[in-house]
Amino acid sequence: KDAMFKFYITANLKVRAKRRFDEFKKLKKKISYSEVLKSLRKRDYFDKNRKYSPLKKTKDSILINTSKLSKKACFLKIKKIMDSKLKY
């Protein structure tokens, strides 16, 4: 709650499903894209609607949408925000 930096990192559901599906393919897991999509949709619903600590963006957090960002681009974006606040 008192963290210097708070980030809410998200991505479009279909982008997240594609990324997860690709991870499963690399691991040679037998699962379809539609199953992954359905699973993520269900998990999102439960995460956002649970009674205790529901997943939601707080007023003081910075939204980072990674739908169109690579891992490196996301890291660099966060680093830039942190560096600017720390005056590096």
C-alpha atoms as a PDB file:
ATOM      1  CA  LYS A   1       0.000   0.000   0.000  1.00  0.00           C
ATOM      2  CA  ASP A   2       2.885   2.389   0.673  1.00  0.00           C
ATOM      3  CA  ALA A   3       5.040   1.338  -2.273  1.00  0.00           C
ATOM      4  CA  MET A   4       6.958   4.043  -4.104  1.00  0.00           C
ATOM      5  CA  PHE A   5       5.783   2.659  -7.441  1.00  0.00           C
ATOM      6  CA  LYS A   6       2.532   0.908  -8.215  1.00  0.00           C
ATOM      7  CA  PHE A   7       1.875  -0.532 -11.638  1.00  0.00           C
ATOM      8  CA  TYR A   8      -1.257  -2.214 -12.932  1.00  0.00           C
ATOM      9  CA  ILE A   9      -0.062  -4.322 -15.833  1.00  0.00           C
ATOM     10  CA  THR A  10      -2.617  -5.673 -18.261  1.00  0.00           C
ATOM     11  CA  ALA A  11      -3.136  -6.762 -21.846  1.00  0.00           C
ATOM     12  CA  ASN A  12      -6.074  -7.530 -24.099  1.00  0.00           C
ATOM     13  CA  LEU A  13      -7.666 -10.910 -23.269  1.00  0.00           C
ATOM     14  CA  LYS A  14      -7.024 -12.345 -26.740  1.00  0.00           C
ATOM     15  CA  VAL A  15      -3.388 -11.199 -26.660  1.00  0.00           C
ATOM     16  CA  ARG A  16      -2.883 -12.826 -23.258  1.00  0.00           C
ATOM     17  CA  ALA A  17      -4.544 -16.018 -24.476  1.00  0.00           C
ATOM     18  CA  LYS A  18      -2.280 -16.133 -27.545  1.00  0.00           C
ATOM     19  CA  ARG A  19       0.815 -15.616 -25.380  1.00  0.00           C
ATOM     20  CA  ARG A  20      -0.263 -18.367 -22.971  1.00  0.00           C
ATOM     21  CA  PHE A  21      -1.180 -20.692 -25.846  1.00  0.00           C
ATOM     22  CA  ASP A  22       2.280 -20.149 -27.371  1.00  0.00           C
ATOM     23  CA  GLU A  23       3.887 -20.972 -24.005  1.00  0.00           C
ATOM     24  CA  PHE A  24       1.887 -24.203 -23.825  1.00  0.00           C
ATOM     25  CA  LYS A  25       2.887 -25.102 -27.385  1.00  0.00           C
ATOM     26  CA  LYS A  26       6.569 -24.702 -26.488  1.00  0.00           C
ATOM     27  CA  LEU A  27       5.985 -27.024 -23.537  1.00  0.00           C
ATOM     28  CA  LYS A  28       4.233 -29.454 -25.900  1.00  0.00           C
ATOM     29  CA  LYS A  29       1.006 -29.231 -23.881  1.00  0.00           C
ATOM     30  CA  LYS A  30      -2.130 -30.484 -25.626  1.00  0.00           C
ATOM     31  CA  ILE A  31      -4.552 -27.588 -25.297  1.00  0.00           C
ATOM     32  CA  SER A  32      -6.435 -25.514 -27.830  1.00  0.00           C
ATOM     33  CA  TYR A  33      -6.390 -21.731 -28.104  1.00  0.00           C
ATOM     34  CA  SER A  34     -10.138 -21.645 -27.361  1.00  0.00           C
ATOM     35  CA  GLU A  35      -9.573 -23.614 -24.127  1.00  0.00           C
ATOM     36  CA  VAL A  36      -6.871 -21.180 -23.053  1.00  0.00           C
ATOM     37  CA  LEU A  37      -9.107 -18.205 -23.906  1.00  0.00           C
ATOM     38  CA  LYS A  38     -12.016 -19.684 -21.935  1.00  0.00           C
ATOM     39  CA  SER A  39      -9.765 -20.417 -18.948  1.00  0.00           C
ATOM     40  CA  LEU A  40      -8.353 -16.873 -18.866  1.00  0.00           C
ATOM     41  CA  ARG A  41     -11.803 -15.332 -19.222  1.00  0.00           C
ATOM     42  CA  LYS A  42     -13.014 -17.412 -16.266  1.00  0.00           C
ATOM     43  CA  ARG A  43      -9.952 -16.568 -14.164  1.00  0.00           C
ATOM     44  CA  ASP A  44     -10.350 -12.847 -14.924  1.00  0.00           C
ATOM     45  CA  TYR A  45     -13.956 -12.951 -13.783  1.00  0.00           C
ATOM     46  CA  PHE A  46     -13.101 -14.644 -10.488  1.00  0.00           C
ATOM     47  CA  ASP A  47     -10.066 -12.424  -9.860  1.00  0.00           C
ATOM     48  CA  LYS A  48     -12.094  -9.245 -10.355  1.00  0.00           C
ATOM     49  CA  ASN A  49     -15.151 -10.404  -8.405  1.00  0.00           C
ATOM     50  CA  ARG A  50     -13.677 -12.187  -5.390  1.00  0.00           C
ATOM     51  CA  LYS A  51     -14.758 -10.942  -1.970  1.00  0.00           C
ATOM     52  CA  TYR A  52     -11.261 -10.286  -0.608  1.00  0.00           C
ATOM     53  CA  SER A  53      -8.643  -8.312  -2.518  1.00  0.00           C
ATOM     54  CA  PRO A  54     -10.381  -8.233  -5.886  1.00  0.00           C
ATOM     55  CA  LEU A  55      -8.040  -7.484  -8.742  1.00  0.00           C
ATOM     56  CA  LYS A  56      -8.527  -3.853  -9.734  1.00  0.00           C
ATOM     57  CA  LYS A  57      -6.481  -0.812 -10.610  1.00  0.00           C
ATOM     58  CA  THR A  58      -6.032   1.583  -7.721  1.00  0.00           C
ATOM     59  CA  LYS A  59      -6.176   5.363  -8.107  1.00  0.00           C
ATOM     60  CA  ASP A  60      -2.476   5.696  -7.379  1.00  0.00           C
ATOM     61  CA  SER A  61      -1.245   2.955  -9.723  1.00  0.00           C
ATOM     62  CA  ILE A  62       0.103   3.473 -13.220  1.00  0.00           C
ATOM     63  CA  LEU A  63      -1.651   1.527 -15.964  1.00  0.00           C
ATOM     64  CA  ILE A  64       0.665  -0.327 -18.339  1.00  0.00           C
ATOM     65  CA  ASN A  65      -1.098  -2.029 -21.243  1.00  0.00           C
ATOM     66  CA  THR A  66       1.272  -4.588 -22.746  1.00  0.00           C
ATOM     67  CA  SER A  67      -1.001  -5.694 -25.607  1.00  0.00           C
ATOM     68  CA  LYS A  68       1.359  -4.211 -28.191  1.00  0.00           C
ATOM     69  CA  LEU A  69       4.603  -4.421 -26.187  1.00  0.00           C
ATOM     70  CA  SER A  70       7.307  -7.041 -26.069  1.00  0.00           C
ATOM     71  CA  LYS A  71       8.747  -8.060 -22.692  1.00  0.00           C
ATOM     72  CA  LYS A  72      11.724  -5.811 -23.306  1.00  0.00           C
ATOM     73  CA  ALA A  73       9.556  -2.846 -24.364  1.00  0.00           C
ATOM     74  CA  CYS A  74       7.430  -3.279 -21.237  1.00  0.00           C
ATOM     75  CA  PHE A  75      10.527  -3.369 -19.043  1.00  0.00           C
ATOM     76  CA  LEU A  76      11.929  -0.254 -20.707  1.00  0.00           C
ATOM     77  CA  LYS A  77       8.629   1.604 -20.308  1.00  0.00           C
ATOM     78  CA  ILE A  78       8.500   0.831 -16.587  1.00  0.00           C
ATOM     79  CA  LYS A  79      12.180   1.674 -16.179  1.00  0.00           C
ATOM     80  CA  LYS A  80      11.660   5.037 -17.886  1.00  0.00           C
ATOM     81  CA  ILE A  81       8.783   5.883 -15.523  1.00  0.00           C
ATOM     82  CA  MET A  82      10.827   4.896 -12.494  1.00  0.00           C
ATOM     83  CA  ASP A  83      13.944   6.715 -13.673  1.00  0.00           C
ATOM     84  CA  SER A  84      11.992   9.914 -14.293  1.00  0.00           C
ATOM     85  CA  LYS A  85      10.520   9.843 -10.783  1.00  0.00           C
ATOM     86  CA  LEU A  86      13.899   9.025  -9.253  1.00  0.00           C
ATOM     87  CA  LYS A  87      15.610  11.679 -11.440  1.00  0.00           C
ATOM     88  CA  TYR A  88      18.279   9.400 -12.945  1.00  0.00           C
END
